[in-house]
Amino acid sequence: MKRLAILASGSGSNAEKIMAHFQHSAKAEIALVASNKPDAFVLERAKKFDVPTFTFSRKEMDAGQLLEKLREEKIDWVILAGFLLKIPVALTRAFPDRMVNIHPALLPKYGGKGMYGTHVHEAVKAAGEKETGITIHLVNEHYDEGKIIFQASTPVTEEDTPESIAAKVHELEHRHFPQVIEGLV
């Protein structure tokens, strides 16, 4: 059975969908939820599924403590679900082609540093895009530049607001991310 770790910085709605999906799986288990924010709600969501948690600072991550914990827990795959820090090169190299991220836009558009959450949806709206969506991709040492594994799109209308765009994108994330992960591991 593959052991998966989820890294998240916030609420963790995607993490919860992933934990629910793999709760009774014979293929993989969520062995750890780790966050750079000790008050992130994702840690509470993990408790509902009896998934161990781990918190760390950017400095601790850069010093290798997160990588050490992942190795200690014998993690096979790392899943980024709303994780906002740039992953250190040592960590990407430790999980080559075994670290996956979800991005709330159709990459390569609206990716890179600072492009997360509402910032992405505001940029999509401001640009007058006719569609947006999600991109699930492997993680490398550059923001949002890893190999694209899966994309799904949704229309953007003139009436849409950044909030309504976010709701459409979240629906795509929740529907597709767990299944894509299952196909990878």
Protein backbone atom coordinates (compact mmCIF):
# COMPACT_ATOMS: atom_id res chain seq x y z
CA MET A 1 0.00 0.00 0.00
CA LYS A 2 1.30 3.44 -0.98
CA ARG A 3 1.70 6.01 1.79
CA LEU A 4 0.65 9.54 0.89
CA ALA A 5 1.33 12.82 2.66
CA ILE A 6 -0.75 15.93 2.07
CA LEU A 7 0.83 19.37 2.44
CA ALA A 8 -1.65 22.20 2.94
CA SER A 9 -1.56 25.76 4.28
CA GLY A 10 -5.22 26.59 4.82
CA SER A 11 -8.74 25.27 5.17
CA GLY A 12 -8.07 21.94 3.52
CA SER A 13 -11.26 21.27 1.57
CA ASN A 14 -9.28 19.43 -1.13
CA ALA A 15 -7.35 17.54 1.55
CA GLU A 16 -10.63 16.43 3.12
CA LYS A 17 -11.93 15.12 -0.22
CA ILE A 18 -8.66 13.21 -0.69
CA MET A 19 -8.76 11.75 2.83
CA ALA A 20 -12.39 10.66 2.32
CA HIS A 21 -11.54 9.12 -1.06
CA PHE A 22 -8.68 7.01 0.33
CA GLN A 23 -10.26 6.23 3.72
CA HIS A 24 -11.04 2.62 2.78
CA SER A 25 -8.67 2.19 -0.15
CA ALA A 26 -6.61 -0.96 -0.60
CA LYS A 27 -4.26 0.97 -2.89
CA ALA A 28 -3.10 3.94 -0.80
CA GLU A 29 -3.52 5.60 2.57
CA ILE A 30 -3.14 9.15 3.77
CA ALA A 31 -0.37 8.67 6.30
CA LEU A 32 0.31 12.33 7.17
CA VAL A 33 -1.13 15.82 6.83
CA ALA A 34 1.54 18.50 7.21
CA SER A 35 1.12 22.26 7.35
CA ASN A 36 3.30 25.33 7.64
CA LYS A 37 0.52 27.02 9.65
CA PRO A 38 -0.17 25.64 13.15
CA ASP A 39 -3.71 27.10 13.06
CA ALA A 40 -4.63 25.80 9.59
CA PHE A 41 -8.09 24.21 9.57
CA VAL A 42 -6.74 21.31 7.50
CA LEU A 43 -5.24 19.97 10.75
CA GLU A 44 -8.74 19.74 12.26
CA ARG A 45 -10.02 17.99 9.14
CA ALA A 46 -7.20 15.43 9.49
CA LYS A 47 -8.35 14.59 13.03
CA LYS A 48 -11.77 13.54 11.66
CA PHE A 49 -9.97 10.84 9.66
CA ASP A 50 -7.46 9.92 12.39
CA VAL A 51 -4.61 11.06 10.14
CA PRO A 52 -1.44 12.12 12.00
CA THR A 53 -0.41 15.76 11.56
CA PHE A 54 2.87 17.64 11.51
CA THR A 55 3.54 21.38 11.56
CA PHE A 56 6.68 23.18 10.55
CA SER A 57 7.96 26.66 9.72
CA ARG A 58 9.50 27.74 6.42
CA LYS A 59 12.87 27.81 8.16
CA GLU A 60 12.39 24.24 9.44
CA MET A 61 11.30 23.08 5.98
CA ASP A 62 14.34 24.72 4.38
CA ALA A 63 16.56 23.06 7.00
CA GLY A 64 15.25 19.64 5.98
CA GLN A 65 12.91 18.83 8.89
CA LEU A 66 9.90 18.24 6.62
CA LEU A 67 11.92 15.93 4.37
CA GLU A 68 13.18 14.08 7.45
CA LYS A 69 9.59 13.60 8.68
CA LEU A 70 8.43 12.36 5.24
CA ARG A 71 11.26 9.83 5.20
CA GLU A 72 10.55 8.78 8.80
CA GLU A 73 6.91 8.14 7.83
CA LYS A 74 8.01 6.17 4.72
CA ILE A 75 5.98 8.44 2.43
CA ASP A 76 5.75 7.33 -1.21
CA TRP A 77 3.87 10.33 -2.66
CA VAL A 78 3.51 13.97 -1.62
CA ILE A 79 0.27 15.76 -2.50
CA LEU A 80 0.15 19.57 -2.42
CA ALA A 81 -3.40 20.72 -1.73
CA GLY A 82 -3.35 24.46 -1.20
CA PHE A 83 0.24 24.55 0.00
CA LEU A 84 1.57 28.07 -0.44
CA LEU A 85 5.33 27.78 0.14
CA LYS A 86 7.85 27.07 -2.58
CA ILE A 87 9.16 23.53 -2.22
CA PRO A 88 12.92 23.32 -1.59
CA VAL A 89 14.95 21.65 -4.33
CA ALA A 90 16.09 18.90 -1.92
CA LEU A 91 12.44 17.95 -1.37
CA THR A 92 11.54 17.89 -5.08
CA ARG A 93 14.61 15.74 -5.75
CA ALA A 94 13.65 13.33 -2.96
CA PHE A 95 10.28 12.69 -4.65
CA PRO A 96 10.99 12.83 -8.40
CA ASP A 97 7.73 12.37 -10.31
CA ARG A 98 6.06 11.52 -6.98
CA MET A 99 4.97 15.00 -5.89
CA VAL A 100 1.76 16.43 -7.34
CA ASN A 101 0.07 19.82 -7.06
CA ILE A 102 -3.30 21.24 -8.03
CA HIS A 103 -3.48 24.78 -9.43
CA PRO A 104 -6.73 26.78 -9.77
CA ALA A 105 -6.20 27.82 -13.40
CA LEU A 106 -5.36 26.36 -16.78
CA LEU A 107 -1.58 26.47 -16.72
CA PRO A 108 0.59 27.88 -18.15
CA LYS A 109 -1.79 30.84 -17.73
CA TYR A 110 -2.01 32.42 -14.27
CA GLY A 111 0.77 30.43 -12.65
CA GLY A 112 3.89 31.36 -10.74
CA LYS A 113 4.75 33.23 -7.56
CA GLY A 114 1.78 34.99 -5.99
CA MET A 115 -0.75 33.23 -8.20
CA TYR A 116 -2.95 31.34 -5.78
CA GLY A 117 -6.56 31.41 -4.62
CA THR A 118 -8.44 34.64 -5.12
CA HIS A 119 -5.47 36.27 -6.89
CA VAL A 120 -5.87 33.77 -9.74
CA HIS A 121 -9.64 34.24 -10.05
CA GLU A 122 -9.32 38.05 -9.98
CA ALA A 123 -6.70 37.88 -12.75
CA VAL A 124 -8.90 35.55 -14.85
CA LYS A 125 -11.86 37.94 -14.49
CA ALA A 126 -9.76 41.06 -15.19
CA ALA A 127 -8.37 39.48 -18.37
CA GLY A 128 -11.86 38.73 -19.68
CA GLU A 129 -11.13 35.01 -20.06
CA LYS A 130 -13.94 32.87 -21.46
CA GLU A 131 -12.83 29.77 -19.53
CA THR A 132 -10.73 28.76 -16.57
CA GLY A 133 -10.23 25.54 -14.69
CA ILE A 134 -7.76 23.38 -12.85
CA THR A 135 -4.37 21.92 -13.62
CA ILE A 136 -2.94 18.92 -11.80
CA HIS A 137 0.80 18.70 -12.37
CA LEU A 138 3.99 17.16 -11.08
CA VAL A 139 6.11 19.45 -8.92
CA ASN A 140 9.61 20.54 -9.86
CA GLU A 141 11.87 23.28 -8.54
CA HIS A 142 9.89 26.06 -10.31
CA TYR A 143 6.43 27.34 -9.39
CA ASP A 144 3.72 25.69 -11.51
CA GLU A 145 6.08 24.45 -14.24
CA GLY A 146 6.05 20.66 -13.68
CA LYS A 147 4.64 18.20 -16.21
CA ILE A 148 0.89 18.64 -16.63
CA ILE A 149 -1.04 15.45 -15.84
CA PHE A 150 -4.65 16.61 -16.05
CA GLN A 151 -6.74 19.70 -16.83
CA ALA A 152 -10.45 20.38 -16.61
CA SER A 153 -12.17 23.60 -17.62
CA THR A 154 -15.29 25.57 -16.85
CA PRO A 155 -16.82 28.54 -18.69
CA VAL A 156 -16.44 32.07 -17.38
CA THR A 157 -19.36 34.39 -18.14
CA GLU A 158 -19.56 38.17 -18.03
CA GLU A 159 -21.74 37.83 -14.94
CA ASP A 160 -19.15 35.79 -13.05
CA THR A 161 -17.30 37.36 -10.14
CA PRO A 162 -14.00 36.15 -8.69
CA GLU A 163 -16.10 34.44 -5.99
CA SER A 164 -18.34 32.61 -8.45
CA ILE A 165 -15.30 31.61 -10.50
CA ALA A 166 -13.72 30.25 -7.32
CA ALA A 167 -16.84 28.17 -6.61
CA LYS A 168 -16.74 26.65 -10.11
CA VAL A 169 -13.03 25.88 -9.78
CA HIS A 170 -13.46 24.31 -6.32
CA GLU A 171 -16.14 22.02 -7.72
CA LEU A 172 -13.68 20.83 -10.40
CA GLU A 173 -10.93 20.36 -7.81
CA HIS A 174 -13.11 18.29 -5.49
CA ARG A 175 -14.45 16.16 -8.35
CA HIS A 176 -11.14 15.40 -10.08
CA PHE A 177 -8.18 15.63 -7.69
CA PRO A 178 -8.79 12.40 -5.68
CA GLN A 179 -9.37 10.34 -8.84
CA VAL A 180 -6.28 11.71 -10.59
CA ILE A 181 -4.18 10.92 -7.52
CA GLU A 182 -5.55 7.38 -7.46
CA GLY A 183 -4.56 6.96 -11.09
CA LEU A 184 -1.02 8.11 -10.33
CA VAL A 185 -0.21 6.09 -7.25
